[in-house]
Amino acid sequence: MKKLFLYAGLLALLVAAGCKSDGDEPIPEPKPKPTPTPGTTPGTTPGTTVDTTRHITPVIPVELKKAEKVARDNAFTFDLLRAVRKHTDKTNVFISPLSVSMALNMTLNGAAGTTADEMRTALRESGYSTADINAYSRELREALLRADPKTTIGIANSIWYRQEATVKAPFIEANRTYYDAEVQALDFSSPTVVGTINGWCARKTNSKIKEIVKQVDPTTFMYLINAVYFKGAWTTRFEKKNTRNMIFQRADGSTQKVEMMNLKDTFRCASSNFCDYLEMDYGNHAFSMVIMLPKDGKTTQDVIATMDGKKWADAIQSLTLKEIHVLLPRFKAECEYPMHEHILPDMGMKLPFNPELADLSGIADVTGLFISKVIHKTFVQVDEEGTESAAVTSVDVMPTGESPIQVFTVDRPFLFVIREKSTGVILFIGEIGEI
């Protein structure tokens, strides 16, 4: 059987299958495309690569009409976080729901029947046609890429298939058209193939994720890969001279010394029964980090267990400006998750991993095509300058009267989200229990 792999954050997907039939049509050369608008990149011909990580100008407001789809995406975010937390014993968690959904939505173009239904269920996309999902994904990707000239963001997709294979033209064209996917046939027996794929990943993540493929399985049919990269400077930056050593209480109750960044300014904040929220903007205010600090007596696990799309939307809507003294530790995390083992099956996606029952006939006319692996790798680093994730906003200061300044001290486990504010789309979400 041949296999299909998928990698996200980076997310990559590996397809495997049986014997090839003789009735396949060759993949046509891509049709000429019109000159792209700012922030977009045309699809590439096989054998070429284009770096979609860039500084985007000018500022163009993100306007997406599909509010319900965004709400479902955010529901998917918290369901995915719960599933990941359930199946990892690591203290820190960091995932990109955007990357996971982009890679699986590319694959959805080749799925049919119950296989496609289960993929939509896992992605919380039930009720949407593949055409609707494709159109939304293109609109979202292009909107995010042009949202902020002061923030670097890259969203890149690629398909790598065995050079002797014949892949269906509609599958390739859909992914070129809606996901700007780079498509390339490779000699999977060549010793250079691993370096070629990993080199693409390194370029798309500013070398934060340098390896996604260790070796190519001889039964591999295709790799589908998504990479999301984000680098934003705080609108109001922390001064390094104000950073000082403080104590952070780990998730297990033990303590450690950390470098705690220190800043007094006006931020949007809110409070619920379970946690306090603090929003810190990047660049021109298009992107932000929202920190969720559990209340005394509550844990990050309590927050994860109860948080959903509606509670998140209510919290964001209730954010109000206050003068805040922020104490936030520098932190860095690198994570990897085999999502095919338990995470995606727990979310309703089982049939696509079954070599006997999966229906990925939209990719190629081969026997037994199925998803073999879904690997998710991520990186995040937060310091005085801002945030870099493989996943500079200006805060308007307003007077708050003579009341005492509220202190927001992040000295215990917390959750954080990196999002685009006008759409509400979550790019990354993480849990930090140890620095």
Protein backbone atom coordinates (compact mmCIF):
# COMPACT_ATOMS: atom_id res chain seq x y z
CA MET A 1 0.00 0.00 0.00
CA LYS A 2 1.07 3.55 -0.67
CA LYS A 3 0.82 6.27 1.94
CA LEU A 4 -0.07 9.90 2.27
CA PHE A 5 1.65 12.03 4.91
CA LEU A 6 0.56 15.42 6.19
CA TYR A 7 2.60 17.87 8.26
CA ALA A 8 1.36 21.08 9.96
CA GLY A 9 2.59 24.26 11.98
CA LEU A 10 4.28 22.73 10.09
CA LEU A 11 1.68 20.11 9.24
CA ALA A 12 2.43 17.38 6.78
CA LEU A 13 0.33 14.55 5.51
CA LEU A 14 1.55 11.30 4.00
CA VAL A 15 -0.57 9.32 1.56
CA ALA A 16 -0.05 5.65 0.85
CA ALA A 17 -1.75 3.44 -1.70
CA GLY A 18 -1.72 0.20 -3.66
CA CYS A 19 -1.16 -0.36 -7.36
CA LYS A 20 -1.72 2.35 -9.96
CA SER A 21 -4.36 1.87 -12.65
CA ASP A 22 -3.85 2.77 -16.29
CA GLY A 23 -6.69 5.24 -16.69
CA ASP A 24 -5.22 8.34 -15.05
CA GLU A 25 -4.81 11.63 -16.89
CA PRO A 26 -1.46 13.39 -16.60
CA ILE A 27 -1.28 16.61 -14.63
CA PRO A 28 -1.48 19.57 -17.01
CA GLU A 29 0.83 22.52 -16.81
CA PRO A 30 -0.84 25.31 -14.83
CA LYS A 31 -2.81 27.82 -16.88
CA PRO A 32 -1.48 31.39 -17.01
CA LYS A 33 -2.83 33.46 -14.14
CA PRO A 34 -3.49 37.19 -13.91
CA THR A 35 -1.05 39.40 -12.06
CA PRO A 36 -1.67 38.80 -8.35
CA THR A 37 -2.93 41.48 -6.03
CA PRO A 38 -0.69 42.58 -3.13
CA GLY A 39 -0.30 39.84 -0.55
CA THR A 40 -0.97 36.93 -2.93
CA THR A 41 1.30 34.59 -4.84
CA PRO A 42 0.34 32.65 -7.96
CA GLY A 43 0.58 28.86 -8.03
CA THR A 44 3.91 27.51 -9.14
CA THR A 45 4.84 25.08 -11.82
CA PRO A 46 6.29 21.71 -10.82
CA GLY A 47 9.91 22.01 -9.79
CA THR A 48 9.78 25.60 -8.61
CA THR A 49 9.48 27.17 -5.17
CA VAL A 50 8.34 30.63 -4.10
CA ASP A 51 8.90 31.95 -0.60
CA THR A 52 5.55 33.24 0.71
CA THR A 53 7.04 34.52 3.94
CA ARG A 54 7.17 38.27 3.41
CA HIS A 55 6.61 41.73 4.79
CA ILE A 56 3.20 42.79 3.52
CA THR A 57 2.16 46.31 2.51
CA PRO A 58 -0.03 48.29 2.48
CA VAL A 59 -2.48 47.94 5.37
CA ILE A 60 -5.71 46.42 4.08
CA PRO A 61 -8.51 45.68 6.56
CA VAL A 62 -9.50 42.03 6.75
CA GLU A 63 -13.14 41.63 5.81
CA LEU A 64 -14.59 38.12 5.89
CA LYS A 65 -18.33 37.65 5.69
CA LYS A 66 -18.37 34.04 6.84
CA ALA A 67 -18.60 34.77 10.57
CA GLU A 68 -20.17 31.38 11.24
CA LYS A 69 -17.19 29.62 9.62
CA VAL A 70 -14.77 31.60 11.79
CA ALA A 71 -16.80 30.66 14.87
CA ARG A 72 -16.55 27.00 13.87
CA ASP A 73 -12.81 27.37 13.31
CA ASN A 74 -12.43 28.68 16.85
CA ALA A 75 -14.58 25.85 18.21
CA PHE A 76 -12.19 23.51 16.35
CA THR A 77 -9.27 25.29 18.03
CA PHE A 78 -10.42 24.46 21.56
CA ASP A 79 -11.56 20.94 20.67
CA LEU A 80 -8.14 20.31 19.11
CA LEU A 81 -6.35 21.72 22.17
CA ARG A 82 -8.36 19.40 24.43
CA ALA A 83 -7.55 16.39 22.26
CA VAL A 84 -3.83 17.26 22.17
CA ARG A 85 -3.70 17.83 25.93
CA LYS A 86 -5.42 14.46 26.52
CA HIS A 87 -2.74 12.60 24.58
CA THR A 88 0.46 14.33 25.69
CA ASP A 89 2.28 14.26 29.01
CA LYS A 90 4.40 17.29 28.11
CA THR A 91 4.05 20.33 30.36
CA ASN A 92 3.93 22.83 27.49
CA VAL A 93 1.59 22.60 24.50
CA PHE A 94 1.70 24.70 21.34
CA ILE A 95 -0.35 24.10 18.18
CA SER A 96 -1.50 25.95 15.07
CA PRO A 97 -5.15 25.13 14.34
CA LEU A 98 -4.85 27.23 11.18
CA SER A 99 -2.04 25.03 9.88
CA VAL A 100 -3.82 21.79 10.75
CA SER A 101 -7.03 22.87 9.03
CA MET A 102 -5.24 24.20 5.93
CA ALA A 103 -3.35 20.94 5.35
CA LEU A 104 -6.41 18.76 5.93
CA ASN A 105 -8.58 20.99 3.74
CA MET A 106 -6.07 20.53 0.91
CA THR A 107 -6.41 16.78 1.38
CA LEU A 108 -10.19 17.07 1.48
CA ASN A 109 -10.08 17.90 -2.23
CA GLY A 110 -9.20 14.26 -2.83
CA ALA A 111 -11.61 12.70 -0.34
CA ALA A 112 -15.08 11.33 -1.08
CA GLY A 113 -18.07 9.77 0.67
CA THR A 114 -17.83 8.96 4.37
CA THR A 115 -14.09 9.68 4.36
CA ALA A 116 -14.79 13.29 3.42
CA ASP A 117 -17.67 13.47 5.93
CA GLU A 118 -15.40 12.36 8.79
CA MET A 119 -12.75 14.90 7.82
CA ARG A 120 -15.36 17.67 7.88
CA THR A 121 -16.61 16.42 11.25
CA ALA A 122 -13.11 16.50 12.75
CA LEU A 123 -12.53 20.00 11.36
CA ARG A 124 -15.98 21.16 12.55
CA GLU A 125 -16.90 21.87 8.91
CA SER A 126 -20.01 19.68 8.61
CA GLY A 127 -22.59 21.30 6.37
CA TYR A 128 -20.01 23.03 4.18
CA SER A 129 -19.23 21.78 0.68
CA THR A 130 -15.63 21.30 -0.41
CA ALA A 131 -16.14 24.21 -2.81
CA ASP A 132 -17.27 26.44 0.08
CA ILE A 133 -14.30 25.40 2.20
CA ASN A 134 -11.87 26.04 -0.66
CA ALA A 135 -13.26 29.51 -1.32
CA TYR A 136 -13.18 30.42 2.38
CA SER A 137 -9.61 29.11 2.78
CA ARG A 138 -8.37 31.24 -0.12
CA GLU A 139 -10.16 34.33 1.16
CA LEU A 140 -8.80 33.82 4.67
CA ARG A 141 -5.23 33.15 3.54
CA GLU A 142 -5.11 36.22 1.31
CA ALA A 143 -6.69 38.40 4.00
CA LEU A 144 -4.19 37.33 6.66
CA LEU A 145 -1.22 37.88 4.36
CA ARG A 146 -2.17 41.51 3.74
CA ALA A 147 -3.48 42.40 7.22
CA ASP A 148 -0.46 44.21 8.69
CA PRO A 149 2.63 45.79 7.06
CA LYS A 150 4.45 45.78 10.41
CA THR A 151 4.07 42.04 10.96
CA THR A 152 5.70 39.23 8.99
CA ILE A 153 3.37 36.35 8.18
CA GLY A 154 3.74 33.44 5.80
CA ILE A 155 1.19 30.76 4.92
CA ALA A 156 2.61 28.24 2.45
CA ASN A 157 1.33 24.95 1.03
CA SER A 158 3.02 22.28 -1.04
CA ILE A 159 2.37 18.87 -2.59
CA TRP A 160 5.20 16.44 -3.28
CA TYR A 161 4.43 13.21 -5.12
CA ARG A 162 6.33 10.22 -6.49
CA GLN A 163 7.48 11.11 -10.00
CA GLU A 164 6.21 7.91 -11.60
CA ALA A 165 2.72 8.43 -10.14
CA THR A 166 -0.20 9.94 -12.02
CA VAL A 167 -2.23 12.36 -9.92
CA LYS A 168 -5.67 13.58 -10.97
CA ALA A 169 -5.63 17.02 -12.55
CA PRO A 170 -8.70 18.40 -10.68
CA PHE A 171 -7.03 17.64 -7.33
CA ILE A 172 -3.87 19.49 -8.32
CA GLU A 173 -5.73 22.41 -9.88
CA ALA A 174 -7.99 22.89 -6.84
CA ASN A 175 -5.00 23.06 -4.51
CA ARG A 176 -3.07 25.37 -6.80
CA THR A 177 -6.06 27.66 -7.21
CA TYR A 178 -7.36 27.86 -3.65
CA TYR A 179 -4.26 27.14 -1.53
CA ASP A 180 -1.53 28.48 -3.83
CA ALA A 181 0.11 25.08 -3.42
CA GLU A 182 3.51 24.46 -4.92
CA VAL A 183 3.44 21.08 -6.70
CA GLN A 184 6.48 19.00 -7.53
CA ALA A 185 7.14 15.44 -8.66
CA LEU A 186 10.22 13.94 -7.01
CA ASP A 187 12.31 10.80 -7.30
CA PHE A 188 11.49 9.36 -3.87
CA SER A 189 14.40 6.91 -4.19
CA SER A 190 16.92 9.74 -4.50
CA PRO A 191 19.08 10.49 -1.44
CA THR A 192 18.38 14.20 -1.99
CA VAL A 193 14.59 14.01 -1.59
CA VAL A 194 14.60 14.42 2.20
CA GLY A 195 16.78 17.51 1.93
CA THR A 196 14.54 18.99 -0.76
CA ILE A 197 11.38 18.71 1.34
CA ASN A 198 13.04 19.76 4.59
CA GLY A 199 14.71 22.68 2.81
CA TRP A 200 11.29 23.96 1.74
CA CYS A 201 10.06 23.69 5.34
CA ALA A 202 13.08 25.58 6.67
CA ARG A 203 12.62 28.40 4.15
CA LYS A 204 8.93 28.79 4.93
CA THR A 205 9.50 28.94 8.72
CA ASN A 206 12.63 31.12 8.80
CA SER A 207 14.61 28.00 9.79
CA LYS A 208 12.56 27.51 12.96
CA ILE A 209 11.47 24.06 11.77
CA LYS A 210 14.27 22.49 9.75
CA GLU A 211 13.16 18.86 9.65
CA ILE A 212 9.75 17.36 9.05
CA VAL A 213 10.79 14.25 7.10
CA LYS A 214 13.47 11.95 8.50
CA GLN A 215 13.31 9.43 5.68
CA VAL A 216 10.96 8.64 2.81
CA ASP A 217 9.07 5.38 3.20
CA PRO A 218 9.32 3.31 -0.01
CA THR A 219 5.52 3.04 -0.11
CA THR A 220 4.97 6.80 0.11
CA PHE A 221 2.68 8.16 -2.61
CA MET A 222 2.46 11.85 -1.69
CA TYR A 223 3.29 14.48 0.93
CA LEU A 224 0.96 17.43 1.52
CA ILE A 225 2.60 20.10 3.66
CA ASN A 226 1.43 23.37 5.20
CA ALA A 227 3.65 25.89 6.96
CA VAL A 228 2.54 28.95 8.93
CA TYR A 229 5.09 31.54 10.08
CA PHE A 230 4.45 34.59 12.25
CA LYS A 231 6.78 37.30 13.55
CA GLY A 232 5.32 40.35 15.23
CA ALA A 233 6.80 43.11 17.36
CA TRP A 234 4.80 44.34 20.32
CA THR A 235 3.06 47.64 19.68
CA THR A 236 4.37 48.76 23.06
CA ARG A 237 7.64 46.95 23.65
CA PHE A 238 9.08 45.82 26.94
CA GLU A 239 12.34 47.51 27.94
CA LYS A 240 15.08 44.92 28.48
CA LYS A 241 16.50 47.01 31.33
CA ASN A 242 13.26 46.43 33.26
CA THR A 243 13.39 42.63 32.97
CA ARG A 244 14.20 41.02 36.30
CA ASN A 245 14.46 37.61 37.91
CA MET A 246 11.28 36.37 39.56
CA ILE A 247 9.77 33.09 40.69
CA PHE A 248 7.44 31.11 38.41
CA GLN A 249 5.35 28.30 39.88
CA ARG A 250 5.32 25.30 37.54
CA ALA A 251 2.26 23.17 36.83
CA ASP A 252 3.50 20.50 39.27
CA GLY A 253 3.78 23.04 42.10
CA SER A 254 7.56 23.36 42.07
CA THR A 255 9.16 26.74 41.41
CA GLN A 256 11.84 28.12 39.12
CA LYS A 257 13.60 31.43 38.55
CA VAL A 258 12.57 33.13 35.31
CA GLU A 259 13.36 36.36 33.48
CA MET A 260 10.17 38.38 33.97
CA MET A 261 9.49 41.19 31.51
CA ASN A 262 7.97 44.33 33.00
CA LEU A 263 5.70 46.94 31.39
CA LYS A 264 3.09 49.50 32.46
CA ASP A 265 0.67 50.63 29.75
CA THR A 266 -2.95 50.52 28.64
CA PHE A 267 -4.23 47.15 27.49
CA ARG A 268 -7.56 45.48 26.90
CA CYS A 269 -8.47 43.00 29.61
CA ALA A 270 -11.42 41.00 30.94
CA SER A 271 -12.29 38.50 33.65
CA SER A 272 -14.43 35.37 33.94
CA ASN A 273 -15.13 32.81 36.65
CA PHE A 274 -12.15 30.74 35.55
CA CYS A 275 -9.48 33.15 34.34
CA ASP A 276 -8.34 36.69 33.63
CA TYR A 277 -7.66 37.81 30.06
CA LEU A 278 -5.04 40.26 28.80
CA GLU A 279 -4.67 41.29 25.16
CA MET A 280 -1.35 42.63 23.87
CA ASP A 281 -1.22 43.91 20.29
CA TYR A 282 1.39 43.52 17.57
CA GLY A 283 2.24 45.86 14.71
CA ASN A 284 -0.69 47.99 13.58
CA HIS A 285 -3.19 46.24 15.92
CA ALA A 286 -4.26 43.61 13.36
CA PHE A 287 -2.74 40.72 15.33
CA SER A 288 -2.63 40.20 19.08
CA MET A 289 -1.73 37.78 21.83
CA VAL A 290 -4.41 37.01 24.40
CA ILE A 291 -3.13 35.57 27.68
CA MET A 292 -5.50 33.50 29.81
CA LEU A 293 -4.32 33.37 33.42
CA PRO A 294 -6.35 30.99 35.62
CA LYS A 295 -7.85 32.43 38.80
CA ASP A 296 -6.42 31.39 42.15
CA GLY A 297 -7.64 27.86 42.83
CA LYS A 298 -8.07 27.13 39.12
CA THR A 299 -5.63 25.48 36.70
CA THR A 300 -4.98 25.63 32.98
CA GLN A 301 -6.66 22.22 32.81
CA ASP A 302 -9.84 23.72 34.27
CA VAL A 303 -9.79 26.43 31.60
CA ILE A 304 -9.11 23.97 28.76
CA ALA A 305 -11.91 21.67 29.94
CA THR A 306 -14.55 24.41 29.89
CA MET A 307 -13.44 26.79 27.12
CA ASP A 308 -15.36 26.69 23.84
CA GLY A 309 -16.01 28.96 20.89
CA LYS A 310 -18.88 30.83 22.56
CA LYS A 311 -17.06 31.45 25.85
CA TRP A 312 -14.06 32.65 23.87
CA ALA A 313 -16.19 35.02 21.78
CA ASP A 314 -17.89 36.36 24.93
CA ALA A 315 -14.51 36.97 26.58
CA ILE A 316 -13.13 38.82 23.55
CA GLN A 317 -16.27 40.95 23.31
CA SER A 318 -15.96 41.93 26.98
CA LEU A 319 -12.35 43.18 26.72
CA THR A 320 -12.03 46.78 27.92
CA LEU A 321 -9.12 49.22 28.15
CA LYS A 322 -7.37 49.57 31.50
CA GLU A 323 -3.99 50.69 32.72
CA ILE A 324 -2.13 47.48 33.52
CA HIS A 325 1.24 46.61 35.03
CA VAL A 326 2.21 43.47 33.08
CA LEU A 327 4.76 40.97 34.36
CA LEU A 328 5.27 38.30 31.68
CA PRO A 329 8.10 35.75 31.49
CA ARG A 330 10.22 35.25 28.42
CA PHE A 331 9.48 31.79 27.07
CA LYS A 332 10.21 29.42 24.23
CA ALA A 333 8.63 26.12 23.23
CA GLU A 334 9.10 23.52 20.49
CA CYS A 335 6.51 20.76 20.13
CA GLU A 336 5.70 17.77 17.91
CA TYR A 337 2.49 15.72 17.77
CA PRO A 338 1.60 12.55 15.83
CA MET A 339 -2.01 13.59 15.29
CA HIS A 340 -2.94 10.44 13.39
CA GLU A 341 -2.45 8.19 16.42
CA HIS A 342 -5.22 9.40 18.74
CA ILE A 343 -5.91 13.12 18.37
CA LEU A 344 -7.75 13.27 15.04
CA PRO A 345 -9.50 9.90 15.53
CA ASP A 346 -10.83 11.20 18.86
CA MET A 347 -12.26 14.18 16.97
CA GLY A 348 -14.17 11.93 14.58
CA MET A 349 -11.62 11.27 11.82
CA LYS A 350 -11.03 7.51 11.70
CA LEU A 351 -11.92 6.23 8.24
CA PRO A 352 -9.28 8.32 6.40
CA PHE A 353 -6.58 6.37 8.30
CA ASN A 354 -8.06 2.95 7.39
CA PRO A 355 -6.20 1.39 4.41
CA GLU A 356 -9.16 -0.88 3.65
CA LEU A 357 -11.98 1.68 3.84
CA ALA A 358 -10.57 5.16 3.15
CA ASP A 359 -11.80 6.84 -0.03
CA LEU A 360 -9.21 9.25 -1.41
CA SER A 361 -10.11 8.47 -4.99
CA GLY A 362 -10.08 12.15 -5.87
CA ILE A 363 -6.27 12.15 -5.61
CA ALA A 364 -5.51 9.25 -7.95
CA ASP A 365 -7.00 6.04 -9.32
CA VAL A 366 -4.99 3.71 -7.13
CA THR A 367 -5.97 0.93 -4.77
CA GLY A 368 -5.96 1.45 -1.02
CA LEU A 369 -5.04 5.14 -0.84
CA PHE A 370 -5.21 6.34 2.78
CA ILE A 371 -3.68 8.82 5.22
CA SER A 372 -0.79 7.16 7.01
CA LYS A 373 0.48 9.98 9.22
CA VAL A 374 -0.39 13.50 10.31
CA ILE A 375 2.62 15.12 11.99
CA HIS A 376 2.39 18.56 13.60
CA LYS A 377 5.51 20.53 14.64
CA THR A 378 5.56 24.00 16.15
CA PHE A 379 7.89 26.66 17.52
CA VAL A 380 7.26 29.80 19.57
CA GLN A 381 9.53 32.35 21.24
CA VAL A 382 8.33 35.36 23.22
CA ASP A 383 10.65 38.12 24.46
CA GLU A 384 10.84 41.90 24.95
CA GLU A 385 10.69 42.58 21.22
CA GLY A 386 7.67 40.47 20.40
CA THR A 387 6.78 36.97 19.24
CA GLU A 388 8.12 34.60 16.62
CA SER A 389 6.19 31.46 15.89
CA ALA A 390 6.16 28.83 13.20
CA ALA A 391 2.89 29.42 13.74
CA VAL A 392 4.02 45.57 16.29
CA THR A 393 0.93 46.87 17.22
CA SER A 394 0.36 50.29 18.70
CA VAL A 395 -1.86 50.56 21.74
CA ASP A 396 -3.85 53.78 22.07
CA VAL A 397 -3.30 55.02 25.62
CA MET A 398 -6.42 56.32 27.32
CA PRO A 399 -6.80 57.94 30.72
CA THR A 400 -8.21 55.69 33.43
CA GLY A 401 -8.55 58.15 36.28
CA GLU A 402 -6.78 57.95 39.58
CA SER A 403 -7.66 54.36 40.48
CA PRO A 404 -4.75 52.03 41.40
CA ILE A 405 -2.98 50.35 38.48
CA GLN A 406 -4.05 46.72 38.08
CA VAL A 407 -1.17 44.24 38.14
CA PHE A 408 -1.26 41.25 35.74
CA THR A 409 1.48 38.91 36.97
CA VAL A 410 2.02 35.79 34.87
CA ASP A 411 3.94 33.80 37.48
CA ARG A 412 2.09 30.49 37.14
CA PRO A 413 0.86 28.26 34.27
CA PHE A 414 -1.13 30.11 31.61
CA LEU A 415 -2.71 29.78 28.18
CA PHE A 416 -2.12 32.11 25.25
CA VAL A 417 -3.57 32.69 21.80
CA ILE A 418 -2.16 34.49 18.75
CA ARG A 419 -5.04 35.78 16.64
CA GLU A 420 -6.05 38.17 13.87
CA LYS A 421 -8.46 40.61 15.48
CA SER A 422 -10.83 41.72 12.73
CA THR A 423 -11.70 38.16 11.68
CA GLY A 424 -11.21 36.57 15.08
CA VAL A 425 -9.20 33.77 13.45
CA ILE A 426 -6.81 31.96 15.80
CA LEU A 427 -3.41 31.22 14.25
CA PHE A 428 -1.78 29.58 17.28
CA ILE A 429 -2.78 28.49 20.78
CA GLY A 430 -0.58 27.25 23.60
CA GLU A 431 -0.31 26.27 27.25
CA ILE A 432 2.84 27.07 29.24
CA GLY A 433 3.37 25.24 32.52
CA GLU A 434 7.16 25.49 32.67
CA ILE A 435 9.55 28.11 31.31
